[in-house]
Amino acid sequence: MKEVLTDIARWRADGKRVALARVVGVDGSGPRDPGATMVVSDAGEVAGSVSGGCVEGAVVEEALAILAGDKPRGVVSFGFSDDEALAVGLTCGGTIHLYVEPLDW
């Protein structure tokens, strides 16, 4: 979380809304441990990482939908089986569970 605090402060000072995605669990292999954090501004700016790249785009879409007014869905899961992971060039499968929410003060 510390690595994204400066970005959050800058975006908020610019009047932007921010959503936070945090890894809350991992099944199988996962690129990031629970606690890994990514933030997304309503302008589409991104800081931090929750997956090392393999599902970041889907997480950004989830965050932007929440910032646009969709209700947070609670814990959302993203992942690949071992076979699917190899097919898209990843070294292992696994599922990460994220909690995505707006940072409203």
PDB file of N, CA and C in Angstrom:
ATOM      1  N   MET A   1       0.824  -1.192   0.000  1.00  0.00           N
ATOM      2  CA  MET A   1       0.000   0.000   0.000  1.00  0.00           C
ATOM      3  C   MET A   1       0.869   1.257   0.000  1.00  0.00           C
ATOM      4  N   LYS A   2       2.009   1.209   0.683  1.00  0.00           N
ATOM      5  CA  LYS A   2       2.842   2.403   0.786  1.00  0.00           C
ATOM      6  C   LYS A   2       3.264   2.938  -0.570  1.00  0.00           C
ATOM      7  N   GLU A   3       3.504   2.025  -1.539  1.00  0.00           N
ATOM      8  CA  GLU A   3       3.992   2.474  -2.843  1.00  0.00           C
ATOM      9  C   GLU A   3       2.958   3.249  -3.636  1.00  0.00           C
ATOM     10  N   VAL A   4       1.690   3.203  -3.256  1.00  0.00           N
ATOM     11  CA  VAL A   4       0.654   3.917  -4.016  1.00  0.00           C
ATOM     12  C   VAL A   4       0.123   5.151  -3.294  1.00  0.00           C
ATOM     13  N   LEU A   5       0.560   5.395  -2.088  1.00  0.00           N
ATOM     14  CA  LEU A   5       0.032   6.524  -1.313  1.00  0.00           C
ATOM     15  C   LEU A   5       0.290   7.872  -1.979  1.00  0.00           C
ATOM     16  N   THR A   6       1.461   8.051  -2.559  1.00  0.00           N
ATOM     17  CA  THR A   6       1.774   9.314  -3.230  1.00  0.00           C
ATOM     18  C   THR A   6       0.842   9.540  -4.416  1.00  0.00           C
ATOM     19  N   ASP A   7       0.585   8.469  -5.180  1.00  0.00           N
ATOM     20  CA  ASP A   7      -0.323   8.591  -6.326  1.00  0.00           C
ATOM     21  C   ASP A   7      -1.737   8.924  -5.861  1.00  0.00           C
ATOM     22  N   ILE A   8      -2.207   8.259  -4.816  1.00  0.00           N
ATOM     23  CA  ILE A   8      -3.541   8.549  -4.281  1.00  0.00           C
ATOM     24  C   ILE A   8      -3.644  10.018  -3.884  1.00  0.00           C
ATOM     25  N   ALA A   9      -2.650  10.513  -3.142  1.00  0.00           N
ATOM     26  CA  ALA A   9      -2.676  11.905  -2.677  1.00  0.00           C
ATOM     27  C   ALA A   9      -2.692  12.875  -3.862  1.00  0.00           C
ATOM     28  N   ARG A  10      -1.885  12.596  -4.888  1.00  0.00           N
ATOM     29  CA  ARG A  10      -1.829  13.477  -6.061  1.00  0.00           C
ATOM     30  C   ARG A  10      -3.155  13.481  -6.815  1.00  0.00           C
ATOM     31  N   TRP A  11      -3.707  12.299  -7.043  1.00  0.00           N
ATOM     32  CA  TRP A  11      -4.978  12.217  -7.762  1.00  0.00           C
ATOM     33  C   TRP A  11      -6.095  12.900  -6.994  1.00  0.00           C
ATOM     34  N   ARG A  12      -6.136  12.687  -5.687  1.00  0.00           N
ATOM     35  CA  ARG A  12      -7.186  13.321  -4.874  1.00  0.00           C
ATOM     36  C   ARG A  12      -7.028  14.839  -4.895  1.00  0.00           C
ATOM     37  N   ALA A  13      -5.781  15.326  -4.842  1.00  0.00           N
ATOM     38  CA  ALA A  13      -5.537  16.771  -4.897  1.00  0.00           C
ATOM     39  C   ALA A  13      -5.997  17.343  -6.239  1.00  0.00           C
ATOM     40  N   ASP A  14      -5.957  16.533  -7.285  1.00  0.00           N
ATOM     41  CA  ASP A  14      -6.421  16.951  -8.608  1.00  0.00           C
ATOM     42  C   ASP A  14      -7.930  16.780  -8.773  1.00  0.00           C
ATOM     43  N   GLY A  15      -8.615  16.348  -7.708  1.00  0.00           N
ATOM     44  CA  GLY A  15     -10.064  16.193  -7.749  1.00  0.00           C
ATOM     45  C   GLY A  15     -10.548  14.893  -8.364  1.00  0.00           C
ATOM     46  N   LYS A  16      -9.657  13.933  -8.532  1.00  0.00           N
ATOM     47  CA  LYS A  16     -10.041  12.656  -9.134  1.00  0.00           C
ATOM     48  C   LYS A  16     -10.544  11.689  -8.065  1.00  0.00           C
ATOM     49  N   ARG A  17     -11.448  10.812  -8.486  1.00  0.00           N
ATOM     50  CA  ARG A  17     -11.900   9.729  -7.613  1.00  0.00           C
ATOM     51  C   ARG A  17     -10.950   8.556  -7.804  1.00  0.00           C
ATOM     52  N   VAL A  18     -10.865   7.716  -6.783  1.00  0.00           N
ATOM     53  CA  VAL A  18      -9.905   6.615  -6.782  1.00  0.00           C
ATOM     54  C   VAL A  18     -10.582   5.339  -6.303  1.00  0.00           C
ATOM     55  N   ALA A  19     -10.245   4.229  -6.953  1.00  0.00           N
ATOM     56  CA  ALA A  19     -10.679   2.901  -6.490  1.00  0.00           C
ATOM     57  C   ALA A  19      -9.435   2.114  -6.095  1.00  0.00           C
ATOM     58  N   LEU A  20      -9.605   1.279  -5.096  1.00  0.00           N
ATOM     59  CA  LEU A  20      -8.522   0.461  -4.578  1.00  0.00           C
ATOM     60  C   LEU A  20      -8.860  -1.008  -4.788  1.00  0.00           C
ATOM     61  N   ALA A  21      -7.900  -1.764  -5.305  1.00  0.00           N
ATOM     62  CA  ALA A  21      -8.037  -3.215  -5.445  1.00  0.00           C
ATOM     63  C   ALA A  21      -6.948  -3.851  -4.595  1.00  0.00           C
ATOM     64  N   ARG A  22      -7.338  -4.789  -3.745  1.00  0.00           N
ATOM     65  CA  ARG A  22      -6.370  -5.424  -2.854  1.00  0.00           C
ATOM     66  C   ARG A  22      -6.533  -6.936  -2.920  1.00  0.00           C
ATOM     67  N   VAL A  23      -5.404  -7.643  -3.023  1.00  0.00           N
ATOM     68  CA  VAL A  23      -5.433  -9.102  -2.991  1.00  0.00           C
ATOM     69  C   VAL A  23      -5.807  -9.538  -1.579  1.00  0.00           C
ATOM     70  N   VAL A  24      -6.894 -10.327  -1.479  1.00  0.00           N
ATOM     71  CA  VAL A  24      -7.338 -10.811  -0.167  1.00  0.00           C
ATOM     72  C   VAL A  24      -7.165 -12.326  -0.033  1.00  0.00           C
ATOM     73  N   GLY A  25      -6.797 -12.987  -1.130  1.00  0.00           N
ATOM     74  CA  GLY A  25      -6.567 -14.421  -1.070  1.00  0.00           C
ATOM     75  C   GLY A  25      -6.012 -14.942  -2.376  1.00  0.00           C
ATOM     76  N   VAL A  26      -5.342 -16.092  -2.301  1.00  0.00           N
ATOM     77  CA  VAL A  26      -4.764 -16.729  -3.475  1.00  0.00           C
ATOM     78  C   VAL A  26      -5.018 -18.226  -3.366  1.00  0.00           C
ATOM     79  N   ASP A  27      -5.506 -18.828  -4.444  1.00  0.00           N
ATOM     80  CA  ASP A  27      -5.637 -20.283  -4.535  1.00  0.00           C
ATOM     81  C   ASP A  27      -4.638 -20.761  -5.573  1.00  0.00           C
ATOM     82  N   GLY A  28      -3.847 -21.768  -5.243  1.00  0.00           N
ATOM     83  CA  GLY A  28      -2.823 -22.242  -6.166  1.00  0.00           C
ATOM     84  C   GLY A  28      -1.688 -21.245  -6.213  1.00  0.00           C
ATOM     85  N   SER A  29      -1.084 -21.140  -7.377  1.00  0.00           N
ATOM     86  CA  SER A  29       0.022 -20.203  -7.553  1.00  0.00           C
ATOM     87  C   SER A  29      -0.520 -18.819  -7.851  1.00  0.00           C
ATOM     88  N   GLY A  30       0.128 -17.828  -7.311  1.00  0.00           N
ATOM     89  CA  GLY A  30      -0.267 -16.457  -7.580  1.00  0.00           C
ATOM     90  C   GLY A  30       0.959 -15.572  -7.621  1.00  0.00           C
ATOM     91  N   PRO A  31       0.966 -14.591  -8.508  1.00  0.00           N
ATOM     92  CA  PRO A  31       2.136 -13.732  -8.648  1.00  0.00           C
ATOM     93  C   PRO A  31       2.333 -12.751  -7.500  1.00  0.00           C
ATOM     94  N   ARG A  32       1.270 -12.431  -6.781  1.00  0.00           N
ATOM     95  CA  ARG A  32       1.368 -11.468  -5.673  1.00  0.00           C
ATOM     96  C   ARG A  32       0.653 -12.035  -4.459  1.00  0.00           C
ATOM     97  N   ASP A  33       1.164 -11.743  -3.301  1.00  0.00           N
ATOM     98  CA  ASP A  33       0.595 -12.243  -2.049  1.00  0.00           C
ATOM     99  C   ASP A  33      -0.555 -11.367  -1.579  1.00  0.00           C
ATOM    100  N   PRO A  34      -1.381 -11.902  -0.672  1.00  0.00           N
ATOM    101  CA  PRO A  34      -2.423 -11.070  -0.064  1.00  0.00           C
ATOM    102  C   PRO A  34      -1.819  -9.779   0.495  1.00  0.00           C
ATOM    103  N   GLY A  35      -2.551  -8.700   0.278  1.00  0.00           N
ATOM    104  CA  GLY A  35      -2.082  -7.382   0.683  1.00  0.00           C
ATOM    105  C   GLY A  35      -1.587  -6.556  -0.490  1.00  0.00           C
ATOM    106  N   ALA A  36      -1.211  -7.216  -1.595  1.00  0.00           N
ATOM    107  CA  ALA A  36      -0.771  -6.469  -2.772  1.00  0.00           C
ATOM    108  C   ALA A  36      -1.899  -5.531  -3.202  1.00  0.00           C
ATOM    109  N   THR A  37      -1.538  -4.334  -3.616  1.00  0.00           N
ATOM    110  CA  THR A  37      -2.526  -3.286  -3.856  1.00  0.00           C
ATOM    111  C   THR A  37      -2.305  -2.595  -5.193  1.00  0.00           C
ATOM    112  N   MET A  38      -3.401  -2.263  -5.834  1.00  0.00           N
ATOM    113  CA  MET A  38      -3.396  -1.454  -7.052  1.00  0.00           C
ATOM    114  C   MET A  38      -4.476  -0.392  -6.878  1.00  0.00           C
ATOM    115  N   VAL A  39      -4.201   0.824  -7.330  1.00  0.00           N
ATOM    116  CA  VAL A  39      -5.199   1.882  -7.313  1.00  0.00           C
ATOM    117  C   VAL A  39      -5.405   2.390  -8.731  1.00  0.00           C
ATOM    118  N   VAL A  40      -6.634   2.832  -8.995  1.00  0.00           N
ATOM    119  CA  VAL A  40      -7.014   3.314 -10.316  1.00  0.00           C
ATOM    120  C   VAL A  40      -7.771   4.622 -10.138  1.00  0.00           C
ATOM    121  N   SER A  41      -7.377   5.646 -10.901  1.00  0.00           N
ATOM    122  CA  SER A  41      -8.117   6.908 -10.850  1.00  0.00           C
ATOM    123  C   SER A  41      -9.248   6.857 -11.862  1.00  0.00           C
ATOM    124  N   ASP A  42     -10.206   7.761 -11.712  1.00  0.00           N
ATOM    125  CA  ASP A  42     -11.315   7.801 -12.669  1.00  0.00           C
ATOM    126  C   ASP A  42     -10.865   8.260 -14.053  1.00  0.00           C
ATOM    127  N   ALA A  43      -9.628   8.723 -14.174  1.00  0.00           N
ATOM    128  CA  ALA A  43      -9.055   9.078 -15.471  1.00  0.00           C
ATOM    129  C   ALA A  43      -8.316   7.891 -16.094  1.00  0.00           C
ATOM    130  N   GLY A  44      -8.338   6.740 -15.414  1.00  0.00           N
ATOM    131  CA  GLY A  44      -7.699   5.539 -15.938  1.00  0.00           C
ATOM    132  C   GLY A  44      -6.237   5.386 -15.585  1.00  0.00           C
ATOM    133  N   GLU A  45      -5.731   6.247 -14.717  1.00  0.00           N
ATOM    134  CA  GLU A  45      -4.340   6.116 -14.277  1.00  0.00           C
ATOM    135  C   GLU A  45      -4.244   4.958 -13.290  1.00  0.00           C
ATOM    136  N   VAL A  46      -3.124   4.229 -13.315  1.00  0.00           N
ATOM    137  CA  VAL A  46      -2.953   3.041 -12.491  1.00  0.00           C
ATOM    138  C   VAL A  46      -1.630   3.116 -11.750  1.00  0.00           C
ATOM    139  N   ALA A  47      -1.642   2.705 -10.495  1.00  0.00           N
ATOM    140  CA  ALA A  47      -0.416   2.577  -9.704  1.00  0.00           C
ATOM    141  C   ALA A  47      -0.505   1.273  -8.919  1.00  0.00           C
ATOM    142  N   GLY A  48       0.632   0.633  -8.734  1.00  0.00           N
ATOM    143  CA  GLY A  48       0.675  -0.626  -8.003  1.00  0.00           C
ATOM    144  C   GLY A  48       0.340  -1.798  -8.906  1.00  0.00           C
ATOM    145  N   SER A  49       0.284  -2.983  -8.303  1.00  0.00           N
ATOM    146  CA  SER A  49       0.026  -4.194  -9.073  1.00  0.00           C
ATOM    147  C   SER A  49      -0.574  -5.258  -8.168  1.00  0.00           C
ATOM    148  N   VAL A  50      -1.524  -6.002  -8.718  1.00  0.00           N
ATOM    149  CA  VAL A  50      -2.118  -7.112  -7.971  1.00  0.00           C
ATOM    150  C   VAL A  50      -1.813  -8.463  -8.599  1.00  0.00           C
ATOM    151  N   SER A  51      -1.264  -8.455  -9.831  1.00  0.00           N
ATOM    152  CA  SER A  51      -1.043  -9.738 -10.491  1.00  0.00           C
ATOM    153  C   SER A  51       0.216  -9.791 -11.328  1.00  0.00           C
ATOM    154  N   GLY A  52       1.017  -8.782 -11.309  1.00  0.00           N
ATOM    155  CA  GLY A  52       2.197  -8.796 -12.144  1.00  0.00           C
ATOM    156  C   GLY A  52       1.875  -8.690 -13.617  1.00  0.00           C
ATOM    157  N   GLY A  53       0.656  -8.319 -13.964  1.00  0.00           N
ATOM    158  CA  GLY A  53       0.294  -8.060 -15.340  1.00  0.00           C
ATOM    159  C   GLY A  53      -0.746  -8.971 -15.946  1.00  0.00           C
ATOM    160  N   CYS A  54      -0.911 -10.203 -15.433  1.00  0.00           N
ATOM    161  CA  CYS A  54      -1.755 -11.162 -16.151  1.00  0.00           C
ATOM    162  C   CYS A  54      -3.247 -10.858 -16.077  1.00  0.00           C
ATOM    163  N   VAL A  55      -3.734 -10.181 -15.061  1.00  0.00           N
ATOM    164  CA  VAL A  55      -5.156  -9.824 -15.027  1.00  0.00           C
ATOM    165  C   VAL A  55      -5.370  -8.345 -14.702  1.00  0.00           C
ATOM    166  N   GLU A  56      -4.317  -7.557 -14.799  1.00  0.00           N
ATOM    167  CA  GLU A  56      -4.427  -6.137 -14.444  1.00  0.00           C
ATOM    168  C   GLU A  56      -5.509  -5.421 -15.244  1.00  0.00           C
ATOM    169  N   GLY A  57      -5.608  -5.718 -16.539  1.00  0.00           N
ATOM    170  CA  GLY A  57      -6.615  -5.056 -17.374  1.00  0.00           C
ATOM    171  C   GLY A  57      -8.025  -5.293 -16.880  1.00  0.00           C
ATOM    172  N   ALA A  58      -8.324  -6.519 -16.483  1.00  0.00           N
ATOM    173  CA  ALA A  58      -9.660  -6.844 -15.969  1.00  0.00           C
ATOM    174  C   ALA A  58      -9.908  -6.130 -14.646  1.00  0.00           C
ATOM    175  N   VAL A  59      -8.882  -5.983 -13.831  1.00  0.00           N
ATOM    176  CA  VAL A  59      -9.029  -5.296 -12.544  1.00  0.00           C
ATOM    177  C   VAL A  59      -9.274  -3.804 -12.777  1.00  0.00           C
ATOM    178  N   VAL A  60      -8.579  -3.225 -13.745  1.00  0.00           N
ATOM    179  CA  VAL A  60      -8.800  -1.810 -14.081  1.00  0.00           C
ATOM    180  C   VAL A  60     -10.244  -1.613 -14.537  1.00  0.00           C
ATOM    181  N   GLU A  61     -10.745  -2.512 -15.379  1.00  0.00           N
ATOM    182  CA  GLU A  61     -12.142  -2.413 -15.823  1.00  0.00           C
ATOM    183  C   GLU A  61     -13.106  -2.477 -14.649  1.00  0.00           C
ATOM    184  N   GLU A  62     -12.857  -3.383 -13.716  1.00  0.00           N
ATOM    185  CA  GLU A  62     -13.704  -3.509 -12.513  1.00  0.00           C
ATOM    186  C   GLU A  62     -13.672  -2.214 -11.712  1.00  0.00           C
ATOM    187  N   ALA A  63     -12.478  -1.652 -11.509  1.00  0.00           N
ATOM    188  CA  ALA A  63     -12.332  -0.418 -10.740  1.00  0.00           C
ATOM    189  C   ALA A  63     -13.031   0.749 -11.424  1.00  0.00           C
ATOM    190  N   LEU A  64     -12.861   0.886 -12.742  1.00  0.00           N
ATOM    191  CA  LEU A  64     -13.501   1.981 -13.467  1.00  0.00           C
ATOM    192  C   LEU A  64     -15.020   1.864 -13.445  1.00  0.00           C
ATOM    193  N   ALA A  65     -15.533   0.634 -13.501  1.00  0.00           N
ATOM    194  CA  ALA A  65     -16.990   0.440 -13.418  1.00  0.00           C
ATOM    195  C   ALA A  65     -17.513   0.904 -12.067  1.00  0.00           C
ATOM    196  N   ILE A  66     -16.785   0.599 -11.021  1.00  0.00           N
ATOM    197  CA  ILE A  66     -17.192   1.035  -9.675  1.00  0.00           C
ATOM    198  C   ILE A  66     -17.154   2.556  -9.584  1.00  0.00           C
ATOM    199  N   LEU A  67     -16.111   3.164 -10.128  1.00  0.00           N
ATOM    200  CA  LEU A  67     -16.013   4.624 -10.094  1.00  0.00           C
ATOM    201  C   LEU A  67     -17.096   5.281 -10.942  1.00  0.00           C
ATOM    202  N   ALA A  68     -17.606   4.566 -11.941  1.00  0.00           N
ATOM    203  CA  ALA A  68     -18.676   5.095 -12.796  1.00  0.00           C
ATOM    204  C   ALA A  68     -20.057   4.895 -12.174  1.00  0.00           C
ATOM    205  N   GLY A  69     -20.112   4.232 -11.020  1.00  0.00           N
ATOM    206  CA  GLY A  69     -21.389   4.094 -10.336  1.00  0.00           C
ATOM    207  C   GLY A  69     -21.865   2.690 -10.061  1.00  0.00           C
ATOM    208  N   ASP A  70     -21.198   1.684 -10.620  1.00  0.00           N
ATOM    209  CA  ASP A  70     -21.593   0.307 -10.317  1.00  0.00           C
ATOM    210  C   ASP A  70     -21.338   0.009  -8.839  1.00  0.00           C
ATOM    211  N   LYS A  71     -22.186  -0.801  -8.271  1.00  0.00           N
ATOM    212  CA  LYS A  71     -22.012  -1.208  -6.879  1.00  0.00           C
ATOM    213  C   LYS A  71     -20.846  -2.205  -6.778  1.00  0.00           C
ATOM    214  N   PRO A  72     -19.950  -2.020  -5.803  1.00  0.00           N
ATOM    215  CA  PRO A  72     -18.882  -3.006  -5.619  1.00  0.00           C
ATOM    216  C   PRO A  72     -19.471  -4.402  -5.430  1.00  0.00           C
ATOM    217  N   ARG A  73     -18.835  -5.398  -6.050  1.00  0.00           N
ATOM    218  CA  ARG A  73     -19.354  -6.762  -6.002  1.00  0.00           C
ATOM    219  C   ARG A  73     -18.803  -7.572  -4.838  1.00  0.00           C
ATOM    220  N   GLY A  74     -18.063  -6.959  -3.944  1.00  0.00           N
ATOM    221  CA  GLY A  74     -17.433  -7.722  -2.872  1.00  0.00           C
ATOM    222  C   GLY A  74     -16.149  -8.333  -3.392  1.00  0.00           C
ATOM    223  N   VAL A  75     -15.895  -9.558  -3.032  1.00  0.00           N
ATOM    224  CA  VAL A  75     -14.677 -10.222  -3.488  1.00  0.00           C
ATOM    225  C   VAL A  75     -14.885 -10.733  -4.911  1.00  0.00           C
ATOM    226  N   VAL A  76     -13.968 -10.370  -5.802  1.00  0.00           N
ATOM    227  CA  VAL A  76     -13.993 -10.850  -7.181  1.00  0.00           C
ATOM    228  C   VAL A  76     -12.758 -11.712  -7.397  1.00  0.00           C
ATOM    229  N   SER A  77     -12.885 -12.702  -8.259  1.00  0.00           N
ATOM    230  CA  SER A  77     -11.790 -13.646  -8.479  1.00  0.00           C
ATOM    231  C   SER A  77     -11.385 -13.656  -9.944  1.00  0.00           C
ATOM    232  N   PHE A  78     -10.080 -13.784 -10.160  1.00  0.00           N
ATOM    233  CA  PHE A  78      -9.508 -13.860 -11.493  1.00  0.00           C
ATOM    234  C   PHE A  78      -8.470 -14.956 -11.484  1.00  0.00           C
ATOM    235  N   GLY A  79      -8.418 -15.744 -12.554  1.00  0.00           N
ATOM    236  CA  GLY A  79      -7.372 -16.755 -12.595  1.00  0.00           C
ATOM    237  C   GLY A  79      -7.432 -17.633 -13.808  1.00  0.00           C
ATOM    238  N   PHE A  80      -6.475 -18.535 -13.857  1.00  0.00           N
ATOM    239  CA  PHE A  80      -6.313 -19.471 -14.953  1.00  0.00           C
ATOM    240  C   PHE A  80      -5.982 -20.843 -14.389  1.00  0.00           C
ATOM    241  N   SER A  81      -6.445 -21.883 -15.067  1.00  0.00           N
ATOM    242  CA  SER A  81      -5.967 -23.220 -14.746  1.00  0.00           C
ATOM    243  C   SER A  81      -4.525 -23.326 -15.243  1.00  0.00           C
ATOM    244  N   ASP A  82      -3.799 -24.362 -14.817  1.00  0.00           N
ATOM    245  CA  ASP A  82      -2.423 -24.536 -15.286  1.00  0.00           C
ATOM    246  C   ASP A  82      -2.364 -24.610 -16.808  1.00  0.00           C
ATOM    247  N   ASP A  83      -3.289 -25.344 -17.444  1.00  0.00           N
ATOM    248  CA  ASP A  83      -3.294 -25.469 -18.902  1.00  0.00           C
ATOM    249  C   ASP A  83      -3.571 -24.135 -19.582  1.00  0.00           C
ATOM    250  N   GLU A  84      -4.545 -23.384 -19.057  1.00  0.00           N
ATOM    251  CA  GLU A  84      -4.864 -22.072 -19.632  1.00  0.00           C
ATOM    252  C   GLU A  84      -3.683 -21.123 -19.470  1.00  0.00           C
ATOM    253  N   ALA A  85      -3.036 -21.177 -18.305  1.00  0.00           N
ATOM    254  CA  ALA A  85      -1.907 -20.291 -18.040  1.00  0.00           C
ATOM    255  C   ALA A  85      -0.791 -20.522 -19.058  1.00  0.00           C
ATOM    256  N   LEU A  86      -0.467 -21.780 -19.324  1.00  0.00           N
ATOM    257  CA  LEU A  86       0.578 -22.080 -20.300  1.00  0.00           C
ATOM    258  C   LEU A  86       0.188 -21.607 -21.694  1.00  0.00           C
ATOM    259  N   ALA A  87      -1.092 -21.702 -22.029  1.00  0.00           N
ATOM    260  CA  ALA A  87      -1.558 -21.293 -23.352  1.00  0.00           C
ATOM    261  C   ALA A  87      -1.389 -19.794 -23.586  1.00  0.00           C
ATOM    262  N   VAL A  88      -1.470 -18.989 -22.523  1.00  0.00           N
ATOM    263  CA  VAL A  88      -1.318 -17.533 -22.692  1.00  0.00           C
ATOM    264  C   VAL A  88       0.072 -17.049 -22.299  1.00  0.00           C
ATOM    265  N   GLY A  89       0.993 -17.997 -22.070  1.00  0.00           N
ATOM    266  CA  GLY A  89       2.383 -17.628 -21.830  1.00  0.00           C
ATOM    267  C   GLY A  89       2.764 -17.436 -20.375  1.00  0.00           C
ATOM    268  N   LEU A  90       1.900 -17.825 -19.458  1.00  0.00           N
ATOM    269  CA  LEU A  90       2.235 -17.731 -18.045  1.00  0.00           C
ATOM    270  C   LEU A  90       2.857 -19.047 -17.594  1.00  0.00           C
ATOM    271  N   THR A  91       3.568 -19.020 -16.493  1.00  0.00           N
ATOM    272  CA  THR A  91       4.265 -20.225 -16.055  1.00  0.00           C
ATOM    273  C   THR A  91       3.424 -21.099 -15.143  1.00  0.00           C
ATOM    274  N   CYS A  92       2.346 -20.584 -14.592  1.00  0.00           N
ATOM    275  CA  CYS A  92       1.545 -21.399 -13.681  1.00  0.00           C
ATOM    276  C   CYS A  92       0.116 -20.875 -13.618  1.00  0.00           C
ATOM    277  N   GLY A  93      -0.770 -21.725 -13.141  1.00  0.00           N
ATOM    278  CA  GLY A  93      -2.155 -21.326 -12.955  1.00  0.00           C
ATOM    279  C   GLY A  93      -2.353 -20.800 -11.552  1.00  0.00           C
ATOM    280  N   GLY A  94      -3.573 -20.528 -11.216  1.00  0.00           N
ATOM    281  CA  GLY A  94      -3.899 -20.030  -9.890  1.00  0.00           C
ATOM    282  C   GLY A  94      -5.002 -19.007  -9.989  1.00  0.00           C
ATOM    283  N   THR A  95      -5.583 -18.703  -8.866  1.00  0.00           N
ATOM    284  CA  THR A  95      -6.669 -17.736  -8.808  1.00  0.00           C
ATOM    285  C   THR A  95      -6.359 -16.723  -7.719  1.00  0.00           C
ATOM    286  N   ILE A  96      -6.526 -15.444  -8.048  1.00  0.00           N
ATOM    287  CA  ILE A  96      -6.381 -14.411  -7.026  1.00  0.00           C
ATOM    288  C   ILE A  96      -7.761 -13.858  -6.716  1.00  0.00           C
ATOM    289  N   HIS A  97      -7.990 -13.570  -5.450  1.00  0.00           N
ATOM    290  CA  HIS A  97      -9.252 -13.009  -4.987  1.00  0.00           C
ATOM    291  C   HIS A  97      -8.965 -11.574  -4.547  1.00  0.00           C
ATOM    292  N   LEU A  98      -9.765 -10.654  -5.078  1.00  0.00           N
ATOM    293  CA  LEU A  98      -9.544  -9.233  -4.820  1.00  0.00           C
ATOM    294  C   LEU A  98     -10.787  -8.592  -4.234  1.00  0.00           C
ATOM    295  N   TYR A  99     -10.560  -7.592  -3.417  1.00  0.00           N
ATOM    296  CA  TYR A  99     -11.643  -6.730  -2.969  1.00  0.00           C
ATOM    297  C   TYR A  99     -11.401  -5.389  -3.637  1.00  0.00           C
ATOM    298  N   VAL A 100     -12.373  -4.939  -4.433  1.00  0.00           N
ATOM    299  CA  VAL A 100     -12.238  -3.684  -5.160  1.00  0.00           C
ATOM    300  C   VAL A 100     -13.295  -2.734  -4.633  1.00  0.00           C
ATOM    301  N   GLU A 101     -12.866  -1.532  -4.229  1.00  0.00           N
ATOM    302  CA  GLU A 101     -13.796  -0.566  -3.644  1.00  0.00           C
ATOM    303  C   GLU A 101     -13.366   0.852  -3.962  1.00  0.00           C
ATOM    304  N   PRO A 102     -14.314   1.785  -3.961  1.00  0.00           N
ATOM    305  CA  PRO A 102     -13.943   3.191  -4.135  1.00  0.00           C
ATOM    306  C   PRO A 102     -13.327   3.714  -2.838  1.00  0.00           C
ATOM    307  N   LEU A 103     -12.387   4.623  -2.983  1.00  0.00           N
ATOM    308  CA  LEU A 103     -11.810   5.285  -1.803  1.00  0.00           C
ATOM    309  C   LEU A 103     -12.541   6.604  -1.624  1.00  0.00           C
ATOM    310  N   ASP A 104     -13.670   6.543  -0.963  1.00  0.00           N
ATOM    311  CA  ASP A 104     -14.436   7.745  -0.671  1.00  0.00           C
ATOM    312  C   ASP A 104     -14.131   8.171   0.755  1.00  0.00           C
ATOM    313  N   TRP A 105     -13.842   9.443   0.925  1.00  0.00           N
ATOM    314  CA  TRP A 105     -13.463   9.935   2.248  1.00  0.00           C
ATOM    315  C   TRP A 105     -14.672  10.447   2.982  1.00  0.00           C
TER     316      TRP A 105
END
